[in-house]
Amino acid sequence: MKVKEPKTGGICQSRQGRDLGRYYLIKSVNADGTVMLVDGNFKKLAAPKKKNIKHLKLLPDRAESIAEKLADGRQVFDTEVYSALKTYNNPQKDCEETENV
């Protein structure tokens, strides 16, 4: 399933730039064709990254609980965002941990 429209709380991957391959959560969608991205580690909620939609690969996955909080105006913490993206940004680390158990 291919996602065409970015939505708040959606997960995406950078296709261009110095952050190539990095996964982000969409904090908000701007009318000018850009989105505000956060990852809870390098790009915090207080200072999101502005990126053009054309430079992103939109994934069908979505962080529902975070999306609801953002829509309601409730406080979201960087640790929540980081935890939601942990499996995307560190897949080899998770595989190593399961092999050692």
N, C-alpha and C. Protein backbone atom coordinates (compact mmCIF):
# COMPACT_ATOMS: atom_id res chain seq x y z
N MET A 1 0.84 -1.17 0.00
CA MET A 1 0.00 0.00 0.00
C MET A 1 0.89 1.24 0.00
N LYS A 2 0.68 2.10 -0.95
CA LYS A 2 1.48 3.31 -1.07
C LYS A 2 0.70 4.50 -0.52
N VAL A 3 1.37 5.26 0.35
CA VAL A 3 0.75 6.43 0.97
C VAL A 3 1.09 7.64 0.12
N LYS A 4 0.07 8.43 -0.22
CA LYS A 4 0.28 9.59 -1.08
C LYS A 4 0.23 10.90 -0.32
N GLU A 5 -0.58 10.96 0.72
CA GLU A 5 -0.75 12.19 1.50
C GLU A 5 -0.15 12.02 2.88
N PRO A 6 0.71 12.95 3.31
CA PRO A 6 1.26 12.86 4.67
C PRO A 6 0.20 13.23 5.70
N LYS A 7 0.24 12.53 6.84
CA LYS A 7 -0.70 12.79 7.92
C LYS A 7 0.07 12.92 9.22
N THR A 8 -0.45 13.73 10.11
CA THR A 8 0.17 13.91 11.42
C THR A 8 0.26 12.56 12.13
N GLY A 9 1.44 12.27 12.66
CA GLY A 9 1.66 10.99 13.33
C GLY A 9 2.17 9.91 12.42
N GLY A 10 2.23 10.19 11.12
CA GLY A 10 2.72 9.22 10.16
C GLY A 10 4.23 9.06 10.24
N ILE A 11 4.71 7.92 9.79
CA ILE A 11 6.15 7.65 9.81
C ILE A 11 6.66 7.72 8.39
N CYS A 12 7.83 8.34 8.22
CA CYS A 12 8.41 8.51 6.90
C CYS A 12 9.92 8.32 6.97
N GLN A 13 10.52 8.13 5.80
CA GLN A 13 11.96 7.96 5.68
C GLN A 13 12.51 9.01 4.74
N SER A 14 13.64 9.59 5.11
CA SER A 14 14.28 10.60 4.28
C SER A 14 14.92 9.94 3.06
N ARG A 15 14.66 10.52 1.86
CA ARG A 15 15.24 9.99 0.63
C ARG A 15 16.36 10.85 0.09
N GLN A 16 16.51 12.07 0.61
CA GLN A 16 17.56 12.96 0.15
C GLN A 16 18.09 13.80 1.29
N GLY A 17 19.31 14.26 1.14
CA GLY A 17 19.91 15.14 2.13
C GLY A 17 20.90 14.41 3.01
N ARG A 18 21.42 15.13 3.96
CA ARG A 18 22.45 14.55 4.83
C ARG A 18 21.86 13.53 5.79
N ASP A 19 20.54 13.55 5.96
CA ASP A 19 19.87 12.59 6.83
C ASP A 19 19.28 11.41 6.05
N LEU A 20 19.83 11.11 4.90
CA LEU A 20 19.36 10.05 4.01
C LEU A 20 19.18 8.73 4.77
N GLY A 21 18.00 8.13 4.64
CA GLY A 21 17.72 6.85 5.26
C GLY A 21 17.18 6.93 6.68
N ARG A 22 17.17 8.09 7.27
CA ARG A 22 16.70 8.26 8.65
C ARG A 22 15.17 8.30 8.69
N TYR A 23 14.60 7.73 9.72
CA TYR A 23 13.15 7.69 9.89
C TYR A 23 12.70 8.81 10.81
N TYR A 24 11.54 9.39 10.49
CA TYR A 24 10.97 10.50 11.26
C TYR A 24 9.49 10.28 11.46
N LEU A 25 8.95 11.02 12.44
CA LEU A 25 7.52 11.08 12.67
C LEU A 25 7.05 12.46 12.23
N ILE A 26 5.94 12.52 11.52
CA ILE A 26 5.41 13.79 11.01
C ILE A 26 4.68 14.50 12.14
N LYS A 27 5.20 15.65 12.54
CA LYS A 27 4.58 16.45 13.61
C LYS A 27 3.43 17.28 13.05
N SER A 28 3.63 17.89 11.88
CA SER A 28 2.57 18.68 11.26
C SER A 28 2.81 18.77 9.76
N VAL A 29 1.73 19.08 9.04
CA VAL A 29 1.79 19.23 7.58
C VAL A 29 1.51 20.69 7.26
N ASN A 30 2.40 21.32 6.50
CA ASN A 30 2.24 22.72 6.11
C ASN A 30 1.57 22.83 4.75
N ALA A 31 0.94 23.94 4.47
CA ALA A 31 0.21 24.16 3.22
C ALA A 31 1.16 24.32 2.02
N ASP A 32 2.41 24.66 2.26
CA ASP A 32 3.35 24.92 1.16
C ASP A 32 4.06 23.66 0.65
N GLY A 33 3.60 22.49 1.02
CA GLY A 33 4.20 21.25 0.53
C GLY A 33 5.37 20.77 1.37
N THR A 34 5.45 21.23 2.59
CA THR A 34 6.50 20.78 3.50
C THR A 34 5.86 20.17 4.74
N VAL A 35 6.66 19.41 5.47
CA VAL A 35 6.21 18.83 6.73
C VAL A 35 7.23 19.14 7.81
N MET A 36 6.79 19.10 9.05
CA MET A 36 7.68 19.27 10.19
C MET A 36 7.91 17.89 10.79
N LEU A 37 9.18 17.50 10.89
CA LEU A 37 9.56 16.15 11.29
C LEU A 37 10.29 16.15 12.62
N VAL A 38 10.08 15.09 13.39
CA VAL A 38 10.79 14.90 14.65
C VAL A 38 11.22 13.43 14.75
N ASP A 39 12.30 13.20 15.50
CA ASP A 39 12.71 11.82 15.75
C ASP A 39 12.96 11.55 17.23
N GLY A 40 12.82 12.56 18.07
CA GLY A 40 12.98 12.37 19.50
C GLY A 40 14.42 12.30 19.97
N ASN A 41 15.37 12.31 19.04
CA ASN A 41 16.77 12.23 19.40
C ASN A 41 17.54 13.44 18.88
N PHE A 42 17.71 13.50 17.57
CA PHE A 42 18.42 14.62 16.96
C PHE A 42 17.49 15.80 16.68
N LYS A 43 16.29 15.51 16.27
CA LYS A 43 15.29 16.55 16.01
C LYS A 43 14.18 16.40 17.04
N LYS A 44 14.19 17.29 18.01
CA LYS A 44 13.25 17.24 19.12
C LYS A 44 11.95 17.97 18.76
N LEU A 45 10.93 17.78 19.56
CA LEU A 45 9.63 18.41 19.33
C LEU A 45 9.71 19.93 19.42
N ALA A 46 10.63 20.45 20.21
CA ALA A 46 10.77 21.90 20.36
C ALA A 46 11.38 22.55 19.12
N ALA A 47 12.16 21.79 18.34
CA ALA A 47 12.81 22.32 17.14
C ALA A 47 12.73 21.29 16.02
N PRO A 48 11.55 21.11 15.40
CA PRO A 48 11.40 20.10 14.36
C PRO A 48 12.12 20.48 13.07
N LYS A 49 12.36 19.48 12.23
CA LYS A 49 13.02 19.67 10.94
C LYS A 49 11.97 19.91 9.87
N LYS A 50 12.17 20.94 9.06
CA LYS A 50 11.27 21.23 7.95
C LYS A 50 11.82 20.54 6.71
N LYS A 51 10.99 19.75 6.04
CA LYS A 51 11.45 19.00 4.87
C LYS A 51 10.35 18.94 3.82
N ASN A 52 10.75 18.99 2.56
CA ASN A 52 9.83 18.91 1.43
C ASN A 52 9.28 17.48 1.32
N ILE A 53 8.00 17.36 1.02
CA ILE A 53 7.35 16.06 0.91
C ILE A 53 8.00 15.22 -0.20
N LYS A 54 8.47 15.86 -1.25
CA LYS A 54 9.09 15.15 -2.37
C LYS A 54 10.35 14.40 -1.94
N HIS A 55 10.96 14.80 -0.85
CA HIS A 55 12.20 14.19 -0.38
C HIS A 55 11.97 13.12 0.67
N LEU A 56 10.72 12.68 0.80
CA LEU A 56 10.36 11.69 1.80
C LEU A 56 9.70 10.47 1.18
N LYS A 57 9.93 9.34 1.80
CA LYS A 57 9.20 8.12 1.46
C LYS A 57 8.20 7.91 2.59
N LEU A 58 6.91 8.08 2.28
CA LEU A 58 5.86 7.95 3.29
C LEU A 58 5.54 6.47 3.50
N LEU A 59 5.54 6.03 4.74
CA LEU A 59 5.25 4.64 5.08
C LEU A 59 3.79 4.51 5.51
N PRO A 60 3.20 3.33 5.35
CA PRO A 60 1.80 3.15 5.75
C PRO A 60 1.62 3.11 7.27
N ASP A 61 2.71 2.98 8.01
CA ASP A 61 2.64 2.91 9.47
C ASP A 61 2.35 4.28 10.06
N ARG A 62 1.72 4.26 11.24
CA ARG A 62 1.37 5.51 11.91
C ARG A 62 1.40 5.29 13.41
N ALA A 63 1.91 6.25 14.15
CA ALA A 63 1.92 6.20 15.62
C ALA A 63 0.61 6.80 16.11
N GLU A 64 -0.39 5.97 16.30
CA GLU A 64 -1.75 6.42 16.60
C GLU A 64 -1.83 7.21 17.90
N SER A 65 -1.20 6.72 18.96
CA SER A 65 -1.30 7.40 20.25
C SER A 65 -0.68 8.79 20.20
N ILE A 66 0.44 8.92 19.52
CA ILE A 66 1.10 10.23 19.39
C ILE A 66 0.27 11.14 18.49
N ALA A 67 -0.30 10.60 17.43
CA ALA A 67 -1.13 11.39 16.52
C ALA A 67 -2.34 11.96 17.25
N GLU A 68 -2.96 11.15 18.11
CA GLU A 68 -4.11 11.62 18.88
C GLU A 68 -3.71 12.76 19.82
N LYS A 69 -2.57 12.60 20.48
CA LYS A 69 -2.10 13.64 21.40
C LYS A 69 -1.81 14.94 20.66
N LEU A 70 -1.17 14.85 19.50
CA LEU A 70 -0.87 16.04 18.72
C LEU A 70 -2.15 16.72 18.25
N ALA A 71 -3.14 15.94 17.84
CA ALA A 71 -4.41 16.49 17.37
C ALA A 71 -5.19 17.17 18.50
N ASP A 72 -5.12 16.60 19.69
CA ASP A 72 -5.84 17.16 20.84
C ASP A 72 -5.09 18.32 21.50
N GLY A 73 -3.84 18.50 21.13
CA GLY A 73 -3.05 19.56 21.74
C GLY A 73 -2.44 19.17 23.07
N ARG A 74 -2.46 17.87 23.38
CA ARG A 74 -1.84 17.40 24.62
C ARG A 74 -0.33 17.33 24.45
N GLN A 75 0.37 17.29 25.59
CA GLN A 75 1.83 17.28 25.55
C GLN A 75 2.36 15.91 25.12
N VAL A 76 3.31 15.94 24.20
CA VAL A 76 3.99 14.74 23.73
C VAL A 76 5.46 14.90 24.12
N PHE A 77 6.06 13.83 24.60
CA PHE A 77 7.45 13.87 25.02
C PHE A 77 8.35 13.28 23.94
N ASP A 78 9.59 13.76 23.90
CA ASP A 78 10.55 13.26 22.93
C ASP A 78 10.81 11.77 23.12
N THR A 79 10.74 11.29 24.34
CA THR A 79 10.98 9.87 24.59
C THR A 79 9.90 8.99 23.96
N GLU A 80 8.67 9.50 23.89
CA GLU A 80 7.59 8.75 23.23
C GLU A 80 7.88 8.60 21.73
N VAL A 81 8.32 9.69 21.13
CA VAL A 81 8.64 9.68 19.70
C VAL A 81 9.82 8.76 19.44
N TYR A 82 10.85 8.87 20.27
CA TYR A 82 12.04 8.04 20.12
C TYR A 82 11.68 6.56 20.23
N SER A 83 10.83 6.21 21.18
CA SER A 83 10.42 4.82 21.36
C SER A 83 9.62 4.31 20.17
N ALA A 84 8.77 5.18 19.61
CA ALA A 84 7.96 4.77 18.46
C ALA A 84 8.83 4.51 17.23
N LEU A 85 9.94 5.23 17.09
CA LEU A 85 10.82 5.08 15.92
C LEU A 85 12.01 4.17 16.17
N LYS A 86 12.13 3.63 17.36
CA LYS A 86 13.31 2.84 17.72
C LYS A 86 13.51 1.64 16.80
N THR A 87 12.45 0.94 16.47
CA THR A 87 12.59 -0.25 15.62
C THR A 87 12.96 0.11 14.18
N TYR A 88 12.61 1.32 13.75
CA TYR A 88 12.94 1.74 12.40
C TYR A 88 14.39 2.20 12.29
N ASN A 89 14.85 3.03 13.25
CA ASN A 89 16.17 3.62 13.17
C ASN A 89 17.29 2.69 13.63
N ASN A 90 16.98 1.65 14.40
CA ASN A 90 18.00 0.74 14.90
C ASN A 90 17.63 -0.72 14.65
N PRO A 91 17.35 -1.12 13.42
CA PRO A 91 16.90 -2.50 13.22
C PRO A 91 17.98 -3.54 13.52
N GLN A 92 19.25 -3.26 13.19
CA GLN A 92 20.31 -4.23 13.43
C GLN A 92 20.58 -4.40 14.91
N LYS A 93 20.41 -3.36 15.71
CA LYS A 93 20.64 -3.44 17.15
C LYS A 93 19.60 -4.36 17.78
N ASP A 94 18.34 -4.25 17.36
CA ASP A 94 17.29 -5.10 17.90
C ASP A 94 17.52 -6.56 17.53
N CYS A 95 18.01 -6.80 16.32
CA CYS A 95 18.29 -8.17 15.88
C CYS A 95 19.40 -8.78 16.72
N GLU A 96 20.44 -8.01 17.02
CA GLU A 96 21.55 -8.50 17.82
C GLU A 96 21.10 -8.84 19.23
N GLU A 97 20.21 -8.02 19.81
CA GLU A 97 19.73 -8.26 21.16
C GLU A 97 18.92 -9.55 21.23
N THR A 98 18.11 -9.82 20.22
CA THR A 98 17.29 -11.04 20.23
C THR A 98 18.16 -12.28 20.01
N GLU A 99 19.26 -12.15 19.26
CA GLU A 99 20.15 -13.28 19.03
C GLU A 99 20.91 -13.65 20.29
N ASN A 100 21.23 -12.67 21.13
CA ASN A 100 22.01 -12.92 22.33
C ASN A 100 21.18 -13.50 23.46
N VAL A 101 19.86 -13.46 23.35
CA VAL A 101 18.98 -13.94 24.44
C VAL A 101 18.83 -15.41 24.39
